[in-house]
C-alpha atoms as a PDB file:
ATOM      1  CA  MET A   1       3.775-144.723  -8.887  1.00  0.00           C
ATOM      2  CA  ILE A   2       0.436-142.959  -8.525  1.00  0.00           C
ATOM      3  CA  HIS A   3      -2.097-144.676  -6.293  1.00  0.00           C
ATOM      4  CA  PHE A   4      -5.833-144.105  -6.663  1.00  0.00           C
ATOM      5  CA  TYR A   5      -7.992-144.563  -3.615  1.00  0.00           C
ATOM      6  CA  ILE A   6     -11.654-145.345  -4.200  1.00  0.00           C
ATOM      7  CA  THR A   7     -13.845-144.808  -1.185  1.00  0.00           C
ATOM      8  CA  PRO A   8     -16.476-147.455  -0.337  1.00  0.00           C
ATOM      9  CA  SER A   9     -19.288-145.026  -1.196  1.00  0.00           C
ATOM     10  CA  LEU A  10     -17.758-144.232  -4.607  1.00  0.00           C
ATOM     11  CA  LEU A  11     -17.241-147.935  -5.282  1.00  0.00           C
ATOM     12  CA  PHE A  12     -20.883-148.536  -4.371  1.00  0.00           C
ATOM     13  CA  ILE A  13     -22.094-145.883  -6.830  1.00  0.00           C
ATOM     14  CA  LEU A  14     -19.791-147.157  -9.592  1.00  0.00           C
ATOM     15  CA  THR A  15     -21.069-150.687  -9.060  1.00  0.00           C
ATOM     16  CA  LEU A  16     -24.660-149.516  -9.282  1.00  0.00           C
ATOM     17  CA  LEU A  17     -23.932-147.489 -12.401  1.00  0.00           C
ATOM     18  CA  ILE A  18     -22.358-150.479 -14.122  1.00  0.00           C
ATOM     19  CA  ALA A  19     -25.212-152.749 -13.068  1.00  0.00           C
ATOM     20  CA  GLY A  20     -27.721-150.233 -14.366  1.00  0.00           C
ATOM     21  CA  ASP A  21     -26.034-149.993 -17.759  1.00  0.00           C
ATOM     22  CA  ILE A  22     -26.029-153.771 -18.164  1.00  0.00           C
ATOM     23  CA  ALA A  23     -29.707-154.034 -17.234  1.00  0.00           C
ATOM     24  CA  ALA A  24     -30.704-151.329 -19.678  1.00  0.00           C
ATOM     25  CA  GLN A  25     -28.948-152.608 -22.793  1.00  0.00           C
ATOM     26  CA  ASN A  26     -32.161-153.788 -24.487  1.00  0.00           C
ATOM     27  CA  ILE A  27     -34.575-151.171 -23.138  1.00  0.00           C
ATOM     28  CA  ASN A  28     -35.938-150.253 -26.570  1.00  0.00           C
ATOM     29  CA  THR A  29     -37.117-153.812 -27.175  1.00  0.00           C
ATOM     30  CA  MET A  30     -38.502-154.512 -23.697  1.00  0.00           C
ATOM     31  CA  SER A  31     -42.115-155.538 -23.278  1.00  0.00           C
ATOM     32  CA  ASP A  32     -44.282-153.307 -21.094  1.00  0.00           C
ATOM     33  CA  SER A  33     -44.185-155.803 -18.237  1.00  0.00           C
ATOM     34  CA  ALA A  34     -40.397-156.093 -18.452  1.00  0.00           C
ATOM     35  CA  PHE A  35     -40.040-152.328 -18.501  1.00  0.00           C
ATOM     36  CA  VAL A  36     -42.248-151.933 -15.411  1.00  0.00           C
ATOM     37  CA  VAL A  37     -39.920-154.306 -13.547  1.00  0.00           C
ATOM     38  CA  TYR A  38     -36.907-152.366 -14.806  1.00  0.00           C
ATOM     39  CA  ARG A  39     -38.477-149.036 -13.828  1.00  0.00           C
ATOM     40  CA  ASP A  40     -39.095-150.277 -10.286  1.00  0.00           C
ATOM     41  CA  LYS A  41     -35.471-151.374 -10.033  1.00  0.00           C
ATOM     42  CA  ALA A  42     -34.331-148.021 -11.413  1.00  0.00           C
ATOM     43  CA  ASN A  43     -36.362-146.132  -8.814  1.00  0.00           C
ATOM     44  CA  ALA A  44     -34.871-148.280  -6.054  1.00  0.00           C
ATOM     45  CA  HIS A  45     -31.449-147.667  -7.582  1.00  0.00           C
ATOM     46  CA  LEU A  46     -32.010-143.898  -7.489  1.00  0.00           C
ATOM     47  CA  GLU A  47     -33.228-144.003  -3.916  1.00  0.00           C
ATOM     48  CA  LYS A  48     -30.138-145.912  -2.790  1.00  0.00           C
ATOM     49  CA  THR A  49     -27.846-143.358  -4.421  1.00  0.00           C
ATOM     50  CA  LEU A  50     -29.842-140.395  -3.061  1.00  0.00           C
ATOM     51  CA  TYR A  51     -31.020-139.454  -6.544  1.00  0.00           C
ATOM     52  CA  TYR A  52     -27.556-138.863  -7.916  1.00  0.00           C
ATOM     53  CA  ASP A  53     -27.858-136.314 -10.762  1.00  0.00           C
ATOM     54  CA  ARG A  54     -25.933-138.336 -13.324  1.00  0.00           C
ATOM     55  CA  LEU A  55     -28.078-141.355 -12.609  1.00  0.00           C
ATOM     56  CA  GLN A  56     -31.248-139.311 -13.046  1.00  0.00           C
ATOM     57  CA  TYR A  57     -29.883-138.067 -16.365  1.00  0.00           C
ATOM     58  CA  LYS A  58     -29.127-141.654 -17.422  1.00  0.00           C
ATOM     59  CA  TYR A  59     -32.523-143.050 -16.437  1.00  0.00           C
ATOM     60  CA  ALA A  60     -34.413-140.086 -17.880  1.00  0.00           C
ATOM     61  CA  LYS A  61     -32.697-140.709 -21.212  1.00  0.00           C
ATOM     62  CA  GLU A  62     -33.552-144.417 -21.110  1.00  0.00           C
ATOM     63  CA  PHE A  63     -37.140-143.856 -20.050  1.00  0.00           C
ATOM     64  CA  TYR A  64     -37.638-141.322 -22.823  1.00  0.00           C
ATOM     65  CA  GLN A  65     -36.209-143.794 -25.330  1.00  0.00           C
ATOM     66  CA  TYR A  66     -38.696-146.364 -24.109  1.00  0.00           C
ATOM     67  CA  TYR A  67     -41.536-143.860 -24.478  1.00  0.00           C
ATOM     68  CA  GLN A  68     -40.459-143.058 -28.044  1.00  0.00           C
ATOM     69  CA  ALA A  69     -40.665-146.751 -28.890  1.00  0.00           C
ATOM     70  CA  ASN A  70     -43.992-147.190 -27.049  1.00  0.00           C
ATOM     71  CA  PRO A  71     -45.847-143.846 -27.056  1.00  0.00           C
ATOM     72  CA  GLU A  72     -49.351-145.326 -26.913  1.00  0.00           C
ATOM     73  CA  THR A  73     -48.909-147.802 -24.070  1.00  0.00           C
ATOM     74  CA  LYS A  74     -49.509-147.022 -20.414  1.00  0.00           C
ATOM     75  CA  ALA A  75     -45.962-148.075 -19.546  1.00  0.00           C
ATOM     76  CA  GLY A  76     -44.594-145.786 -22.248  1.00  0.00           C
ATOM     77  CA  GLN A  77     -46.552-142.807 -20.957  1.00  0.00           C
ATOM     78  CA  GLU A  78     -45.489-143.540 -17.377  1.00  0.00           C
ATOM     79  CA  ALA A  79     -41.893-143.664 -18.609  1.00  0.00           C
ATOM     80  CA  LEU A  80     -42.305-140.225 -20.175  1.00  0.00           C
ATOM     81  CA  LYS A  81     -43.706-138.749 -16.951  1.00  0.00           C
ATOM     82  CA  ASP A  82     -40.865-140.243 -14.916  1.00  0.00           C
ATOM     83  CA  ALA A  83     -38.325-138.856 -17.388  1.00  0.00           C
ATOM     84  CA  ILE A  84     -39.834-135.381 -17.126  1.00  0.00           C
ATOM     85  CA  VAL A  85     -39.769-135.497 -13.320  1.00  0.00           C
ATOM     86  CA  MET A  86     -36.086-136.444 -13.396  1.00  0.00           C
ATOM     87  CA  TRP A  87     -35.300-133.696 -15.905  1.00  0.00           C
ATOM     88  CA  ILE A  88     -37.088-131.227 -13.643  1.00  0.00           C
ATOM     89  CA  ASN A  89     -34.997-132.434 -10.706  1.00  0.00           C
ATOM     90  CA  ILE A  90     -31.744-131.851 -12.567  1.00  0.00           C
ATOM     91  CA  LYS A  91     -33.044-128.723 -14.354  1.00  0.00           C
ATOM     92  CA  GLU A  92     -32.719-130.041 -17.901  1.00  0.00           C
ATOM     93  CA  ALA A  93     -35.250-127.662 -19.447  1.00  0.00           C
ATOM     94  CA  ASN A  94     -34.082-128.296 -23.020  1.00  0.00           C
ATOM     95  CA  LYS A  95     -34.673-132.031 -22.642  1.00  0.00           C
ATOM     96  CA  ILE A  96     -38.139-131.397 -21.241  1.00  0.00           C
ATOM     97  CA  PHE A  97     -39.227-129.224 -24.139  1.00  0.00           C
ATOM     98  CA  GLU A  98     -37.658-131.548 -26.686  1.00  0.00           C
ATOM     99  CA  ALA A  99     -39.857-134.291 -25.252  1.00  0.00           C
ATOM    100  CA  LEU A 100     -42.965-132.125 -24.962  1.00  0.00           C
ATOM    101  CA  ASN A 101     -42.712-131.022 -28.574  1.00  0.00           C
ATOM    102  CA  SER A 102     -42.758-134.661 -29.652  1.00  0.00           C
ATOM    103  CA  ILE A 103     -46.036-135.551 -27.915  1.00  0.00           C
ATOM    104  CA  ASP A 104     -49.161-135.751 -30.029  1.00  0.00           C
ATOM    105  CA  TYR A 105     -51.799-133.236 -28.935  1.00  0.00           C
ATOM    106  CA  SER A 106     -54.313-136.053 -28.503  1.00  0.00           C
ATOM    107  CA  SER A 107     -52.084-138.031 -26.144  1.00  0.00           C
ATOM    108  CA  GLU A 108     -53.644-138.988 -22.822  1.00  0.00           C
ATOM    109  CA  ALA A 109     -50.280-138.287 -21.185  1.00  0.00           C
ATOM    110  CA  TRP A 110     -50.742-134.514 -21.416  1.00  0.00           C
ATOM    111  CA  TYR A 111     -53.014-134.137 -18.401  1.00  0.00           C
ATOM    112  CA  GLU A 112     -50.620-135.573 -15.825  1.00  0.00           C
ATOM    113  CA  ILE A 113     -47.578-134.023 -17.497  1.00  0.00           C
ATOM    114  CA  LEU A 114     -49.137-130.577 -17.216  1.00  0.00           C
ATOM    115  CA  GLU A 115     -49.956-131.198 -13.567  1.00  0.00           C
ATOM    116  CA  ILE A 116     -46.323-132.193 -12.971  1.00  0.00           C
ATOM    117  CA  LEU A 117     -45.058-129.061 -14.721  1.00  0.00           C
ATOM    118  CA  ARG A 118     -47.540-126.812 -12.932  1.00  0.00           C
ATOM    119  CA  MET A 119     -46.452-128.096  -9.541  1.00  0.00           C
ATOM    120  CA  SER A 120     -42.731-127.918 -10.309  1.00  0.00           C
ATOM    121  CA  SER A 121     -40.561-125.057  -9.081  1.00  0.00           C
ATOM    122  CA  VAL A 122     -38.310-124.804 -12.143  1.00  0.00           C
ATOM    123  CA  HIS A 123     -40.133-121.856 -13.709  1.00  0.00           C
ATOM    124  CA  GLY A 124     -38.050-118.793 -14.471  1.00  0.00           C
ATOM    125  CA  GLY A 125     -36.056-117.289 -17.315  1.00  0.00           C
ATOM    126  CA  LYS A 126     -36.169-119.077 -20.658  1.00  0.00           C
ATOM    127  CA  TRP A 127     -37.910-122.057 -19.054  1.00  0.00           C
ATOM    128  CA  ASN A 128     -40.857-119.855 -18.227  1.00  0.00           C
ATOM    129  CA  ASP A 129     -40.974-118.354 -21.744  1.00  0.00           C
ATOM    130  CA  ASP A 130     -40.872-121.803 -23.361  1.00  0.00           C
ATOM    131  CA  TYR A 131     -43.471-123.115 -20.937  1.00  0.00           C
ATOM    132  CA  ILE A 132     -45.894-120.273 -21.690  1.00  0.00           C
ATOM    133  CA  GLU A 133     -45.335-120.723 -25.428  1.00  0.00           C
ATOM    134  CA  LEU A 134     -46.143-124.418 -25.048  1.00  0.00           C
ATOM    135  CA  LEU A 135     -49.312-123.683 -23.078  1.00  0.00           C
ATOM    136  CA  ASN A 136     -50.453-121.145 -25.666  1.00  0.00           C
ATOM    137  CA  ARG A 137     -49.996-123.718 -28.442  1.00  0.00           C
ATOM    138  CA  LEU A 138     -51.863-126.336 -26.465  1.00  0.00           C
ATOM    139  CA  GLU A 139     -54.711-123.936 -25.707  1.00  0.00           C
ATOM    140  CA  GLN A 140     -55.197-123.440 -29.437  1.00  0.00           C
ATOM    141  CA  ASP A 141     -55.098-127.118 -30.398  1.00  0.00           C
ATOM    142  CA  VAL A 142     -56.277-129.312 -27.512  1.00  0.00           C
ATOM    143  CA  THR A 143     -59.992-129.959 -27.077  1.00  0.00           C
ATOM    144  CA  GLU A 144     -60.046-133.061 -24.837  1.00  0.00           C
ATOM    145  CA  PRO A 145     -61.793-131.715 -21.677  1.00  0.00           C
ATOM    146  CA  LYS A 146     -59.553-133.129 -18.947  1.00  0.00           C
ATOM    147  CA  THR A 147     -56.328-132.069 -20.638  1.00  0.00           C
ATOM    148  CA  ARG A 148     -57.757-128.703 -21.638  1.00  0.00           C
ATOM    149  CA  SER A 149     -58.780-128.060 -18.037  1.00  0.00           C
ATOM    150  CA  ALA A 150     -55.178-128.669 -16.945  1.00  0.00           C
ATOM    151  CA  ILE A 151     -53.910-126.348 -19.699  1.00  0.00           C
ATOM    152  CA  LEU A 152     -56.212-123.523 -18.611  1.00  0.00           C
ATOM    153  CA  GLN A 153     -55.357-124.066 -14.943  1.00  0.00           C
ATOM    154  CA  SER A 154     -51.674-123.725 -15.827  1.00  0.00           C
ATOM    155  CA  LEU A 155     -52.211-120.714 -18.096  1.00  0.00           C
ATOM    156  CA  ILE A 156     -53.888-118.802 -15.279  1.00  0.00           C
ATOM    157  CA  LEU A 157     -50.545-118.624 -13.492  1.00  0.00           C
ATOM    158  CA  LYS A 158     -49.096-116.381 -16.197  1.00  0.00           C
ATOM    159  CA  TYR A 159     -51.674-113.646 -15.624  1.00  0.00           C
ATOM    160  CA  SER A 160     -51.578-110.969 -12.944  1.00  0.00           C
ATOM    161  CA  PHE A 161     -54.416-111.096 -10.442  1.00  0.00           C
ATOM    162  CA  ASP A 162     -54.094-107.324 -10.097  1.00  0.00           C
ATOM    163  CA  THR A 163     -54.295-106.261 -13.744  1.00  0.00           C
ATOM    164  CA  GLU A 164     -55.708-109.180 -15.752  1.00  0.00           C
ATOM    165  CA  LYS A 165     -58.667-110.362 -13.709  1.00  0.00           C
ATOM    166  CA  GLU A 166     -61.040-110.478 -16.665  1.00  0.00           C
ATOM    167  CA  LYS A 167     -58.828-112.932 -18.559  1.00  0.00           C
ATOM    168  CA  ILE A 168     -58.474-115.060 -15.428  1.00  0.00           C
ATOM    169  CA  LYS A 169     -62.246-115.048 -14.954  1.00  0.00           C
ATOM    170  CA  GLU A 170     -62.703-116.127 -18.574  1.00  0.00           C
ATOM    171  CA  LEU A 171     -60.359-119.091 -18.099  1.00  0.00           C
ATOM    172  CA  TYR A 172     -61.970-120.117 -14.816  1.00  0.00           C
ATOM    173  CA  ARG A 173     -65.444-119.977 -16.379  1.00  0.00           C
ATOM    174  CA  GLU A 174     -64.289-122.297 -19.153  1.00  0.00           C
ATOM    175  CA  ILE A 175     -62.837-124.701 -16.571  1.00  0.00           C
ATOM    176  CA  ILE A 176     -66.248-124.818 -14.882  1.00  0.00           C
ATOM    177  CA  THR A 177     -67.971-125.376 -18.233  1.00  0.00           C
ATOM    178  CA  LEU A 178     -65.579-128.210 -19.103  1.00  0.00           C
ATOM    179  CA  ASN A 179     -66.352-129.836 -15.731  1.00  0.00           C
ATOM    180  CA  ALA A 180     -63.557-132.345 -16.316  1.00  0.00           C
ATOM    181  CA  ASN A 181     -61.670-132.186 -13.022  1.00  0.00           C
ATOM    182  CA  GLU A 182     -63.457-131.770  -9.696  1.00  0.00           C
ATOM    183  CA  HIS A 183     -60.481-130.083  -8.028  1.00  0.00           C
ATOM    184  CA  HIS A 184     -60.041-127.607 -10.887  1.00  0.00           C
ATOM    185  CA  VAL A 185     -63.759-126.810 -10.926  1.00  0.00           C
ATOM    186  CA  GLN A 186     -63.875-126.183  -7.177  1.00  0.00           C
ATOM    187  CA  GLN A 187     -60.803-123.988  -7.348  1.00  0.00           C
ATOM    188  CA  ALA A 188     -62.352-122.047 -10.229  1.00  0.00           C
ATOM    189  CA  ARG A 189     -65.563-121.504  -8.281  1.00  0.00           C
ATOM    190  CA  ASN A 190     -63.622-120.338  -5.236  1.00  0.00           C
ATOM    191  CA  PHE A 191     -61.640-117.799  -7.245  1.00  0.00           C
ATOM    192  CA  LEU A 192     -64.671-116.487  -9.097  1.00  0.00           C
ATOM    193  CA  HIS A 193     -66.478-116.128  -5.787  1.00  0.00           C
ATOM    194  CA  GLU A 194     -63.477-114.207  -4.426  1.00  0.00           C
ATOM    195  CA  PHE A 195     -63.341-111.917  -7.460  1.00  0.00           C
ATOM    196  CA  GLU A 196     -67.048-111.308  -7.872  1.00  0.00           C
ATOM    197  CA  ARG A 197     -68.748-111.712  -4.498  1.00  0.00           C
ATOM    198  CA  LEU A 198     -65.923-110.845  -2.110  1.00  0.00           C
ATOM    199  CA  ALA A 199     -64.324-107.962  -3.990  1.00  0.00           C
ATOM    200  CA  ILE A 200     -63.311-104.916  -1.956  1.00  0.00           C
ATOM    201  CA  GLY A 201     -66.303-102.573  -1.774  1.00  0.00           C
ATOM    202  CA  ASN A 202     -68.931-105.271  -2.250  1.00  0.00           C
ATOM    203  CA  PRO A 203     -71.544-105.857   0.469  1.00  0.00           C
ATOM    204  CA  ALA A 204     -70.321-108.506   2.897  1.00  0.00           C
ATOM    205  CA  PRO A 205     -72.394-111.714   2.836  1.00  0.00           C
ATOM    206  CA  LEU A 206     -74.857-111.604   5.722  1.00  0.00           C
ATOM    207  CA  PHE A 207     -75.169-114.313   8.349  1.00  0.00           C
ATOM    208  CA  GLU A 208     -76.474-114.942  11.844  1.00  0.00           C
ATOM    209  CA  ALA A 209     -75.006-117.118  14.595  1.00  0.00           C
ATOM    210  CA  SER A 210     -74.677-117.592  18.342  1.00  0.00           C
ATOM    211  CA  THR A 211     -71.571-116.672  20.315  1.00  0.00           C
ATOM    212  CA  THR A 212     -69.836-118.869  22.864  1.00  0.00           C
ATOM    213  CA  THR A 213     -71.431-116.735  25.597  1.00  0.00           C
ATOM    214  CA  GLY A 214     -74.917-117.453  24.266  1.00  0.00           C
ATOM    215  CA  LYS A 215     -75.521-114.070  22.635  1.00  0.00           C
ATOM    216  CA  PHE A 216     -77.119-113.671  19.220  1.00  0.00           C
ATOM    217  CA  PHE A 217     -74.952-112.145  16.485  1.00  0.00           C
ATOM    218  CA  SER A 218     -76.345-110.800  13.220  1.00  0.00           C
ATOM    219  CA  LEU A 219     -74.036-109.109  10.746  1.00  0.00           C
ATOM    220  CA  ALA A 220     -76.981-107.128   9.385  1.00  0.00           C
ATOM    221  CA  ASP A 221     -77.363-105.471  12.802  1.00  0.00           C
ATOM    222  CA  GLN A 222     -73.752-104.256  12.887  1.00  0.00           C
ATOM    223  CA  LYS A 223     -74.108-101.276  10.527  1.00  0.00           C
ATOM    224  CA  GLY A 224     -72.266 -98.313  12.029  1.00  0.00           C
ATOM    225  CA  THR A 225     -69.477-100.469  13.506  1.00  0.00           C
ATOM    226  CA  LEU A 226     -66.328-101.860  11.936  1.00  0.00           C
ATOM    227  CA  ILE A 227     -66.304-105.655  12.026  1.00  0.00           C
ATOM    228  CA  LEU A 228     -63.189-107.800  11.825  1.00  0.00           C
ATOM    229  CA  LEU A 229     -64.014-111.403  10.968  1.00  0.00           C
ATOM    230  CA  ASN A 230     -61.137-113.664  11.956  1.00  0.00           C
ATOM    231  CA  PHE A 231     -61.467-117.159  10.460  1.00  0.00           C
ATOM    232  CA  TRP A 232     -59.258-119.548  12.369  1.00  0.00           C
ATOM    233  CA  SER A 233     -58.666-122.999  13.787  1.00  0.00           C
ATOM    234  CA  PRO A 234     -56.214-124.300  16.400  1.00  0.00           C
ATOM    235  CA  PHE A 235     -54.377-126.102  13.607  1.00  0.00           C
ATOM    236  CA  VAL A 236     -53.485-122.978  11.620  1.00  0.00           C
ATOM    237  CA  TYR A 237     -52.706-120.315  14.202  1.00  0.00           C
ATOM    238  CA  SER A 238     -48.999-119.799  13.621  1.00  0.00           C
ATOM    239  CA  GLY A 239     -48.057-118.404  17.006  1.00  0.00           C
ATOM    240  CA  ASP A 240     -48.846-116.196  19.963  1.00  0.00           C
ATOM    241  CA  ASN A 241     -48.086-113.002  18.001  1.00  0.00           C
ATOM    242  CA  ILE A 242     -51.325-113.276  16.025  1.00  0.00           C
ATOM    243  CA  ILE A 243     -53.355-113.964  19.153  1.00  0.00           C
ATOM    244  CA  SER A 244     -51.674-111.119  21.027  1.00  0.00           C
ATOM    245  CA  SER A 245     -52.304-108.715  18.145  1.00  0.00           C
ATOM    246  CA  LEU A 246     -56.000-109.580  17.923  1.00  0.00           C
ATOM    247  CA  ASN A 247     -56.395-109.423  21.709  1.00  0.00           C
ATOM    248  CA  ASN A 248     -54.800-105.974  21.702  1.00  0.00           C
ATOM    249  CA  MET A 249     -57.085-104.763  18.942  1.00  0.00           C
ATOM    250  CA  SER A 250     -60.167-106.127  20.661  1.00  0.00           C
ATOM    251  CA  ASN A 251     -59.211-104.400  23.907  1.00  0.00           C
ATOM    252  CA  HIS A 252     -57.883-101.168  22.369  1.00  0.00           C
ATOM    253  CA  TYR A 253     -60.918-100.129  20.342  1.00  0.00           C
ATOM    254  CA  SER A 254     -64.334 -99.476  21.807  1.00  0.00           C
ATOM    255  CA  GLU A 255     -67.188-101.693  20.661  1.00  0.00           C
ATOM    256  CA  GLU A 256     -68.662 -98.649  18.925  1.00  0.00           C
ATOM    257  CA  ASP A 257     -65.554 -98.499  16.705  1.00  0.00           C
ATOM    258  CA  LEU A 258     -64.484-102.111  16.141  1.00  0.00           C
ATOM    259  CA  VAL A 259     -65.798-105.552  17.028  1.00  0.00           C
ATOM    260  CA  VAL A 260     -63.528-108.556  16.479  1.00  0.00           C
ATOM    261  CA  ILE A 261     -65.435-111.758  15.754  1.00  0.00           C
ATOM    262  CA  GLY A 262     -63.693-115.120  15.807  1.00  0.00           C
ATOM    263  CA  VAL A 263     -65.082-117.656  13.335  1.00  0.00           C
ATOM    264  CA  PRO A 264     -63.797-121.171  14.103  1.00  0.00           C
ATOM    265  CA  THR A 265     -63.500-123.293  10.972  1.00  0.00           C
ATOM    266  CA  ILE A 266     -63.464-126.759  12.539  1.00  0.00           C
ATOM    267  CA  ASP A 267     -66.343-128.690  14.076  1.00  0.00           C
ATOM    268  CA  ASN A 268     -64.773-129.491  17.443  1.00  0.00           C
ATOM    269  CA  ALA A 269     -66.325-127.376  20.200  1.00  0.00           C
ATOM    270  CA  LYS A 270     -64.188-128.848  22.992  1.00  0.00           C
ATOM    271  CA  LYS A 271     -60.914-128.261  21.154  1.00  0.00           C
ATOM    272  CA  ILE A 272     -61.999-124.707  20.353  1.00  0.00           C
ATOM    273  CA  ARG A 273     -62.968-123.965  23.975  1.00  0.00           C
ATOM    274  CA  ASP A 274     -59.753-125.483  25.330  1.00  0.00           C
ATOM    275  CA  PHE A 275     -57.662-123.466  22.873  1.00  0.00           C
ATOM    276  CA  ILE A 276     -59.474-120.223  23.759  1.00  0.00           C
ATOM    277  CA  ILE A 277     -58.853-120.764  27.472  1.00  0.00           C
ATOM    278  CA  GLN A 278     -55.268-121.958  27.039  1.00  0.00           C
ATOM    279  CA  HIS A 279     -54.263-118.944  24.926  1.00  0.00           C
ATOM    280  CA  GLY A 280     -56.305-116.281  26.697  1.00  0.00           C
ATOM    281  CA  ILE A 281     -58.335-115.297  23.639  1.00  0.00           C
ATOM    282  CA  SER A 282     -60.528-112.372  24.643  1.00  0.00           C
ATOM    283  CA  TRP A 283     -62.398-111.410  21.489  1.00  0.00           C
ATOM    284  CA  THR A 284     -65.912-112.633  20.742  1.00  0.00           C
ATOM    285  CA  GLN A 285     -66.143-116.144  19.324  1.00  0.00           C
ATOM    286  CA  LEU A 286     -68.983-117.708  17.377  1.00  0.00           C
ATOM    287  CA  GLU A 287     -70.261-121.130  18.363  1.00  0.00           C
ATOM    288  CA  LEU A 288     -71.192-122.892  15.160  1.00  0.00           C
ATOM    289  CA  THR A 289     -72.711-126.153  14.036  1.00  0.00           C
ATOM    290  CA  ALA A 290     -71.019-128.193  11.327  1.00  0.00           C
ATOM    291  CA  ASN A 291     -73.489-126.859   8.752  1.00  0.00           C
ATOM    292  CA  GLU A 292     -72.937-123.264   9.876  1.00  0.00           C
ATOM    293  CA  ILE A 293     -69.166-123.707   9.609  1.00  0.00           C
ATOM    294  CA  LYS A 294     -69.525-125.110   6.099  1.00  0.00           C
ATOM    295  CA  LYS A 295     -71.812-122.252   5.047  1.00  0.00           C
ATOM    296  CA  LEU A 296     -69.549-119.502   6.425  1.00  0.00           C
ATOM    297  CA  LYS A 297     -66.430-121.032   4.889  1.00  0.00           C
ATOM    298  CA  GLU A 298     -68.179-121.051   1.524  1.00  0.00           C
ATOM    299  CA  LEU A 299     -69.610-117.539   1.945  1.00  0.00           C
ATOM    300  CA  TYR A 300     -66.216-116.055   2.757  1.00  0.00           C
ATOM    301  CA  ASN A 301     -63.910-118.456   0.909  1.00  0.00           C
ATOM    302  CA  ALA A 302     -62.393-119.194   4.286  1.00  0.00           C
ATOM    303  CA  HIS A 303     -60.676-122.456   3.431  1.00  0.00           C
ATOM    304  CA  TYR A 304     -57.618-121.161   5.259  1.00  0.00           C
ATOM    305  CA  MET A 305     -56.969-118.654   8.052  1.00  0.00           C
ATOM    306  CA  ARG A 306     -57.983-115.162   6.991  1.00  0.00           C
ATOM    307  CA  ASN A 307     -59.116-111.755   8.242  1.00  0.00           C
ATOM    308  CA  ILE A 308     -61.876-109.756   6.598  1.00  0.00           C
ATOM    309  CA  VAL A 309     -62.717-106.198   7.659  1.00  0.00           C
ATOM    310  CA  ILE A 310     -66.263-104.976   7.036  1.00  0.00           C
ATOM    311  CA  ASP A 311     -66.780-101.228   7.104  1.00  0.00           C
ATOM    312  CA  LYS A 312     -69.550 -99.353   8.889  1.00  0.00           C
ATOM    313  CA  LYS A 313     -71.743 -99.497   5.795  1.00  0.00           C
ATOM    314  CA  GLY A 314     -71.480-103.279   5.627  1.00  0.00           C
ATOM    315  CA  ALA A 315     -69.038-103.434   2.703  1.00  0.00           C
ATOM    316  CA  ILE A 316     -65.824-105.454   2.525  1.00  0.00           C
ATOM    317  CA  ALA A 317     -62.976-103.050   3.290  1.00  0.00           C
ATOM    318  CA  SER A 318     -59.941-105.353   3.327  1.00  0.00           C
ATOM    319  CA  LYS A 319     -58.867-108.966   3.255  1.00  0.00           C
ATOM    320  CA  ASN A 320     -55.973-110.822   4.850  1.00  0.00           C
ATOM    321  CA  LEU A 321     -54.244-107.977   6.673  1.00  0.00           C
ATOM    322  CA  TRP A 322     -52.402-108.839   9.896  1.00  0.00           C
ATOM    323  CA  GLY A 323     -50.541-107.177  12.748  1.00  0.00           C
ATOM    324  CA  ASN A 324     -49.475-103.571  12.235  1.00  0.00           C
ATOM    325  CA  ASP A 325     -50.950-103.505   8.732  1.00  0.00           C
ATOM    326  CA  MET A 326     -54.341-104.342  10.185  1.00  0.00           C
ATOM    327  CA  VAL A 327     -54.044-101.709  12.931  1.00  0.00           C
ATOM    328  CA  SER A 328     -53.069 -99.035  10.396  1.00  0.00           C
ATOM    329  CA  HIS A 329     -55.974-100.039   8.178  1.00  0.00           C
ATOM    330  CA  VAL A 330     -58.508 -99.839  11.009  1.00  0.00           C
ATOM    331  CA  ASP A 331     -57.116 -96.483  12.154  1.00  0.00           C
ATOM    332  CA  SER A 332     -57.386 -95.207   8.592  1.00  0.00           C
ATOM    333  CA  LEU A 333     -61.026 -96.279   8.319  1.00  0.00           C
ATOM    334  CA  LEU A 334     -61.908 -94.682  11.652  1.00  0.00           C
ATOM    335  CA  SER A 335     -60.124 -91.438  10.749  1.00  0.00           C
ATOM    336  CA  LYS A 336     -62.302 -91.003   7.656  1.00  0.00           C
ATOM    337  CA  GLU A 337     -65.458 -90.521   9.694  1.00  0.00           C
END
């Protein structure tokens, strides 16, 4: 006689699966309020089973069925979004595009669905081709500003920042004109500023500030010297290697050749001073007010840690080089004199 042994964990999953099937028998005829209760139970069910793939497949199918029966209700649209998230998790691209092709172009669900797809990591292969085809269709047909903004934001990802800047600029300008999503608009402005104002070879934006030693610093007065602007905060320095590299550069080159300027990006003078002392930072640091920090971050798109080298004529020579790449770049600039 053959004996089958069912482990407690397998029995638990089987019990939950059976319970789920019973609860979902009448999902197509549920009211919105009943479905919301069922959806909450389903999410708890998934969490307990560590998002078991077969369960996600089951619930995605049910949620999509509910959406098909209730495409105009909020609960129906939430069901569709949940189904898409689950299909993304289990990499069911065909199911996703089957669902997407059934959504009316005027549906309010598009905006959040596109944000979900844009943030997902499933792109690649046929998925990517189908996704781009979908976006191209939507770009032609959708006029609702909020959804269109999300479409354009997603489309930008298909273009190369190296070879298709003009198309990217065009899309970002339309996002700004639509003015439908504050985050999208700010991102568009940042990128356009990077492309147009902070392009390699453009004059570096001028500013004046005091240093932590009380000296006056004016970028306009630095013509004839290479300047390395290092935008940083204690929260984003990733380790002693960066600090050591910048210290070495500051000490290796004469002030006639290169001046390293630290630009703190947080308004916390004590934390900055303590960090400088603790880590032995030797290069010049600016001491900035909150307004000065805000202005410099906007001028140089320094919403994250970055290096910007300004050549002896006051033009931007490079952006975001680190370590040996930065040293080689500086040596190359100095050798051209």
